[in-house]
Amino acid sequence: MTPQRSVDRDTGMRRISTTTRWLAGIGVGLVGALSLFFASRAPSGSSATPTPATAPATAPVTAPATTPPTSAVGGTATAPTAPPTTMPPVTYPPSRHTTSRSS
């Protein structure tokens, strides 16, 4: 490789490196500008009456003290649990698509 060709190659590499750096900077700047633009246009989520961050102070609710029931044998019995809740069956509307073909 002649010295002139290596100089030309180095000059081209510097030029493309500078171009790439400028294009990357412009791209980042445009993305930042667009994000600021759209962030200023987006609804802020605030309402006319602000929601308090904490619930209003009320007197704490305490459960009455109870003693666990004892069984006739002398041990402690466990409290009965609530029956499981069941959901109503899911019903689907009839399909409008039919699989039979009319002749």
N, C-alpha and C. Protein backbone atom coordinates (compact mmCIF):
# COMPACT_ATOMS: atom_id res chain seq x y z
N MET A 1 0.85 -1.16 0.00
CA MET A 1 0.00 0.00 0.00
C MET A 1 0.91 1.23 0.00
N THR A 2 0.59 2.16 -0.85
CA THR A 2 1.42 3.36 -0.95
C THR A 2 1.05 4.32 0.17
N PRO A 3 1.96 5.21 0.52
CA PRO A 3 1.67 6.16 1.60
C PRO A 3 0.46 7.05 1.30
N GLN A 4 0.25 7.40 0.06
CA GLN A 4 -0.89 8.25 -0.29
C GLN A 4 -2.22 7.52 -0.07
N ARG A 5 -2.24 6.23 -0.39
CA ARG A 5 -3.47 5.47 -0.22
C ARG A 5 -3.82 5.33 1.25
N SER A 6 -2.82 5.14 2.10
CA SER A 6 -3.09 5.01 3.52
C SER A 6 -3.57 6.34 4.11
N VAL A 7 -3.04 7.45 3.59
CA VAL A 7 -3.49 8.77 4.04
C VAL A 7 -4.95 8.98 3.62
N ASP A 8 -5.26 8.60 2.37
CA ASP A 8 -6.64 8.72 1.91
C ASP A 8 -7.59 7.86 2.74
N ARG A 9 -7.14 6.64 3.06
CA ARG A 9 -7.96 5.75 3.88
C ARG A 9 -8.19 6.36 5.26
N ASP A 10 -7.13 6.87 5.89
CA ASP A 10 -7.26 7.48 7.22
C ASP A 10 -8.17 8.70 7.19
N THR A 11 -8.05 9.49 6.12
CA THR A 11 -8.90 10.67 5.99
C THR A 11 -10.36 10.26 5.85
N GLY A 12 -10.63 9.24 5.08
CA GLY A 12 -12.00 8.74 4.91
C GLY A 12 -12.56 8.19 6.20
N MET A 13 -11.72 7.48 6.96
CA MET A 13 -12.17 6.92 8.24
C MET A 13 -12.50 8.04 9.23
N ARG A 14 -11.67 9.09 9.25
CA ARG A 14 -11.96 10.22 10.13
C ARG A 14 -13.27 10.91 9.72
N ARG A 15 -13.45 11.06 8.42
CA ARG A 15 -14.64 11.74 7.91
C ARG A 15 -15.90 10.95 8.25
N ILE A 16 -15.89 9.63 8.04
CA ILE A 16 -17.09 8.83 8.33
C ILE A 16 -17.32 8.74 9.84
N SER A 17 -16.23 8.75 10.63
CA SER A 17 -16.37 8.72 12.08
C SER A 17 -17.01 10.01 12.57
N THR A 18 -16.58 11.14 12.02
CA THR A 18 -17.16 12.42 12.41
C THR A 18 -18.63 12.49 11.99
N THR A 19 -18.92 12.02 10.79
CA THR A 19 -20.31 12.03 10.30
C THR A 19 -21.19 11.17 11.18
N THR A 20 -20.70 9.99 11.54
CA THR A 20 -21.48 9.09 12.39
C THR A 20 -21.72 9.73 13.75
N ARG A 21 -20.71 10.36 14.31
CA ARG A 21 -20.84 11.00 15.61
C ARG A 21 -21.89 12.12 15.55
N TRP A 22 -21.85 12.94 14.50
CA TRP A 22 -22.82 14.02 14.36
C TRP A 22 -24.23 13.48 14.18
N LEU A 23 -24.39 12.46 13.36
CA LEU A 23 -25.73 11.89 13.14
C LEU A 23 -26.29 11.27 14.42
N ALA A 24 -25.44 10.61 15.20
CA ALA A 24 -25.89 10.02 16.46
C ALA A 24 -26.30 11.13 17.43
N GLY A 25 -25.53 12.20 17.50
CA GLY A 25 -25.88 13.31 18.38
C GLY A 25 -27.18 13.98 17.97
N ILE A 26 -27.37 14.18 16.67
CA ILE A 26 -28.60 14.78 16.17
C ILE A 26 -29.79 13.87 16.48
N GLY A 27 -29.62 12.56 16.30
CA GLY A 27 -30.69 11.62 16.60
C GLY A 27 -31.09 11.64 18.06
N VAL A 28 -30.11 11.67 18.96
CA VAL A 28 -30.40 11.71 20.39
C VAL A 28 -31.11 13.02 20.73
N GLY A 29 -30.63 14.12 20.14
CA GLY A 29 -31.27 15.42 20.39
C GLY A 29 -32.71 15.46 19.91
N LEU A 30 -32.98 14.88 18.74
CA LEU A 30 -34.34 14.85 18.22
C LEU A 30 -35.26 13.99 19.08
N VAL A 31 -34.75 12.86 19.54
CA VAL A 31 -35.56 12.00 20.41
C VAL A 31 -35.89 12.74 21.70
N GLY A 32 -34.90 13.43 22.26
CA GLY A 32 -35.14 14.20 23.49
C GLY A 32 -36.16 15.31 23.26
N ALA A 33 -36.02 16.02 22.15
CA ALA A 33 -36.96 17.11 21.85
C ALA A 33 -38.37 16.57 21.63
N LEU A 34 -38.50 15.46 20.93
CA LEU A 34 -39.82 14.87 20.71
C LEU A 34 -40.44 14.38 22.02
N SER A 35 -39.62 13.81 22.89
CA SER A 35 -40.17 13.32 24.16
C SER A 35 -40.64 14.49 25.01
N LEU A 36 -39.91 15.60 25.01
CA LEU A 36 -40.37 16.77 25.75
C LEU A 36 -41.65 17.33 25.15
N PHE A 37 -41.72 17.37 23.83
CA PHE A 37 -42.91 17.87 23.15
C PHE A 37 -44.13 17.04 23.51
N PHE A 38 -44.02 15.72 23.39
CA PHE A 38 -45.18 14.87 23.66
C PHE A 38 -45.49 14.79 25.14
N ALA A 39 -44.50 14.93 26.00
CA ALA A 39 -44.77 14.94 27.44
C ALA A 39 -45.55 16.18 27.83
N SER A 40 -45.28 17.30 27.16
CA SER A 40 -46.03 18.52 27.48
C SER A 40 -47.44 18.46 26.94
N ARG A 41 -47.70 17.66 25.93
CA ARG A 41 -49.03 17.54 25.33
C ARG A 41 -49.88 16.47 26.01
N ALA A 42 -49.26 15.57 26.73
CA ALA A 42 -49.99 14.46 27.35
C ALA A 42 -50.79 14.98 28.54
N PRO A 43 -51.94 14.36 28.81
CA PRO A 43 -52.70 14.78 29.99
C PRO A 43 -51.91 14.48 31.26
N SER A 44 -52.00 15.38 32.21
CA SER A 44 -51.18 15.25 33.41
C SER A 44 -51.75 14.26 34.40
N GLY A 45 -53.01 13.92 34.28
CA GLY A 45 -53.62 12.96 35.20
C GLY A 45 -54.18 13.63 36.43
N SER A 46 -54.05 14.95 36.56
CA SER A 46 -54.61 15.62 37.73
C SER A 46 -56.08 15.91 37.49
N SER A 47 -56.84 15.92 38.55
CA SER A 47 -58.27 16.20 38.44
C SER A 47 -58.56 17.50 39.18
N ALA A 48 -59.80 17.96 39.10
CA ALA A 48 -60.17 19.21 39.75
C ALA A 48 -60.06 19.10 41.26
N THR A 49 -60.41 17.95 41.82
CA THR A 49 -60.29 17.75 43.25
C THR A 49 -59.19 16.73 43.48
N PRO A 50 -58.10 17.15 44.08
CA PRO A 50 -57.00 16.21 44.28
C PRO A 50 -57.37 15.13 45.29
N THR A 51 -56.88 13.95 45.06
CA THR A 51 -57.10 12.83 45.95
C THR A 51 -56.06 12.88 47.06
N PRO A 52 -56.47 12.79 48.32
CA PRO A 52 -55.48 12.85 49.39
C PRO A 52 -54.55 11.64 49.33
N ALA A 53 -53.30 11.87 49.69
CA ALA A 53 -52.31 10.81 49.65
C ALA A 53 -52.56 9.76 50.72
N THR A 54 -53.11 10.18 51.86
CA THR A 54 -53.40 9.25 52.94
C THR A 54 -54.87 9.36 53.30
N ALA A 55 -55.40 8.32 53.89
CA ALA A 55 -56.79 8.32 54.32
C ALA A 55 -56.94 9.28 55.49
N PRO A 56 -58.11 9.88 55.66
CA PRO A 56 -58.31 10.77 56.79
C PRO A 56 -58.17 10.01 58.10
N ALA A 57 -57.69 10.71 59.10
CA ALA A 57 -57.44 10.08 60.40
C ALA A 57 -58.76 9.74 61.07
N THR A 58 -58.91 8.51 61.49
CA THR A 58 -60.08 8.06 62.22
C THR A 58 -59.61 7.26 63.41
N ALA A 59 -60.49 7.01 64.34
CA ALA A 59 -60.14 6.21 65.49
C ALA A 59 -59.89 4.78 65.03
N PRO A 60 -58.85 4.12 65.54
CA PRO A 60 -58.58 2.75 65.12
C PRO A 60 -59.68 1.80 65.59
N VAL A 61 -59.97 0.85 64.75
CA VAL A 61 -61.00 -0.13 65.06
C VAL A 61 -60.31 -1.33 65.69
N THR A 62 -60.78 -1.73 66.85
CA THR A 62 -60.19 -2.89 67.52
C THR A 62 -61.25 -3.97 67.64
N ALA A 63 -60.82 -5.20 67.49
CA ALA A 63 -61.73 -6.34 67.61
C ALA A 63 -61.87 -6.68 69.08
N PRO A 64 -63.06 -7.09 69.50
CA PRO A 64 -63.23 -7.48 70.91
C PRO A 64 -62.40 -8.73 71.21
N ALA A 65 -61.88 -8.78 72.41
CA ALA A 65 -61.07 -9.92 72.82
C ALA A 65 -61.98 -11.12 73.03
N THR A 66 -61.59 -12.24 72.46
CA THR A 66 -62.36 -13.47 72.63
C THR A 66 -61.41 -14.56 73.06
N THR A 67 -61.95 -15.54 73.70
CA THR A 67 -61.16 -16.70 74.08
C THR A 67 -61.53 -17.83 73.14
N PRO A 68 -60.56 -18.64 72.77
CA PRO A 68 -60.89 -19.73 71.87
C PRO A 68 -61.79 -20.75 72.56
N PRO A 69 -62.74 -21.34 71.83
CA PRO A 69 -63.63 -22.33 72.45
C PRO A 69 -62.85 -23.60 72.80
N THR A 70 -63.24 -24.24 73.84
CA THR A 70 -62.60 -25.49 74.24
C THR A 70 -63.53 -26.65 73.93
N SER A 71 -62.96 -27.78 73.64
CA SER A 71 -63.77 -28.95 73.33
C SER A 71 -64.05 -29.72 74.61
N ALA A 72 -64.94 -30.67 74.54
CA ALA A 72 -65.31 -31.47 75.72
C ALA A 72 -64.17 -32.37 76.14
N VAL A 73 -63.25 -32.68 75.23
CA VAL A 73 -62.17 -33.59 75.55
C VAL A 73 -61.07 -32.85 76.32
N GLY A 74 -61.00 -31.55 76.22
CA GLY A 74 -59.99 -30.81 76.97
C GLY A 74 -59.03 -30.04 76.07
N GLY A 75 -59.05 -30.27 74.78
CA GLY A 75 -58.18 -29.53 73.88
C GLY A 75 -58.89 -28.29 73.34
N THR A 76 -58.18 -27.54 72.56
CA THR A 76 -58.82 -26.36 71.98
C THR A 76 -59.32 -26.71 70.59
N ALA A 77 -60.47 -26.21 70.28
CA ALA A 77 -61.06 -26.46 68.97
C ALA A 77 -60.73 -25.29 68.05
N THR A 78 -60.66 -25.57 66.78
CA THR A 78 -60.43 -24.49 65.83
C THR A 78 -61.76 -23.87 65.44
N ALA A 79 -61.73 -22.61 65.16
CA ALA A 79 -62.94 -21.91 64.77
C ALA A 79 -63.37 -22.39 63.39
N PRO A 80 -64.68 -22.52 63.17
CA PRO A 80 -65.12 -22.97 61.84
C PRO A 80 -64.78 -21.90 60.80
N THR A 81 -64.42 -22.38 59.64
CA THR A 81 -64.10 -21.46 58.56
C THR A 81 -65.35 -21.14 57.77
N ALA A 82 -65.32 -20.04 57.08
CA ALA A 82 -66.46 -19.64 56.26
C ALA A 82 -66.55 -20.58 55.07
N PRO A 83 -67.75 -20.87 54.63
CA PRO A 83 -67.89 -21.76 53.47
C PRO A 83 -67.29 -21.08 52.23
N PRO A 84 -66.75 -21.86 51.32
CA PRO A 84 -66.16 -21.26 50.13
C PRO A 84 -67.24 -20.59 49.28
N THR A 85 -66.87 -19.49 48.69
CA THR A 85 -67.83 -18.81 47.83
C THR A 85 -67.75 -19.40 46.44
N THR A 86 -68.89 -19.51 45.81
CA THR A 86 -68.91 -20.05 44.46
C THR A 86 -69.37 -18.97 43.51
N MET A 87 -68.84 -19.02 42.34
CA MET A 87 -69.22 -18.06 41.31
C MET A 87 -70.29 -18.69 40.44
N PRO A 88 -71.18 -17.86 39.91
CA PRO A 88 -72.20 -18.42 39.02
C PRO A 88 -71.53 -18.93 37.75
N PRO A 89 -72.13 -19.91 37.10
CA PRO A 89 -71.52 -20.45 35.89
C PRO A 89 -71.47 -19.38 34.78
N VAL A 90 -70.47 -19.46 33.97
CA VAL A 90 -70.30 -18.52 32.87
C VAL A 90 -71.18 -18.97 31.71
N THR A 91 -71.97 -18.06 31.20
CA THR A 91 -72.80 -18.37 30.04
C THR A 91 -72.33 -17.53 28.87
N TYR A 92 -72.27 -18.15 27.74
CA TYR A 92 -71.82 -17.47 26.53
C TYR A 92 -73.01 -17.28 25.60
N PRO A 93 -73.05 -16.16 24.88
CA PRO A 93 -74.14 -15.99 23.92
C PRO A 93 -74.01 -17.00 22.79
N PRO A 94 -75.13 -17.35 22.16
CA PRO A 94 -75.05 -18.32 21.07
C PRO A 94 -74.21 -17.78 19.93
N SER A 95 -73.51 -18.66 19.30
CA SER A 95 -72.64 -18.27 18.19
C SER A 95 -73.47 -17.93 16.97
N ARG A 96 -73.03 -16.92 16.24
CA ARG A 96 -73.72 -16.55 15.01
C ARG A 96 -73.22 -17.35 13.83
N HIS A 97 -72.12 -18.04 14.02
CA HIS A 97 -71.53 -18.84 12.94
C HIS A 97 -72.11 -20.24 13.01
N THR A 98 -72.51 -20.74 11.88
CA THR A 98 -73.03 -22.10 11.83
C THR A 98 -72.07 -22.97 11.05
N THR A 99 -72.03 -24.24 11.44
CA THR A 99 -71.14 -25.15 10.74
C THR A 99 -71.87 -25.97 9.68
N SER A 100 -73.20 -25.98 9.72
CA SER A 100 -73.93 -26.77 8.72
C SER A 100 -74.08 -25.97 7.44
N ARG A 101 -74.07 -26.68 6.36
CA ARG A 101 -74.22 -26.04 5.05
C ARG A 101 -75.61 -26.35 4.53
N SER A 102 -76.23 -25.34 3.97
CA SER A 102 -77.55 -25.57 3.38
C SER A 102 -77.37 -25.90 1.91
N SER A 103 -78.21 -26.82 1.40
CA SER A 103 -78.07 -27.24 0.00
C SER A 103 -79.04 -26.51 -0.87
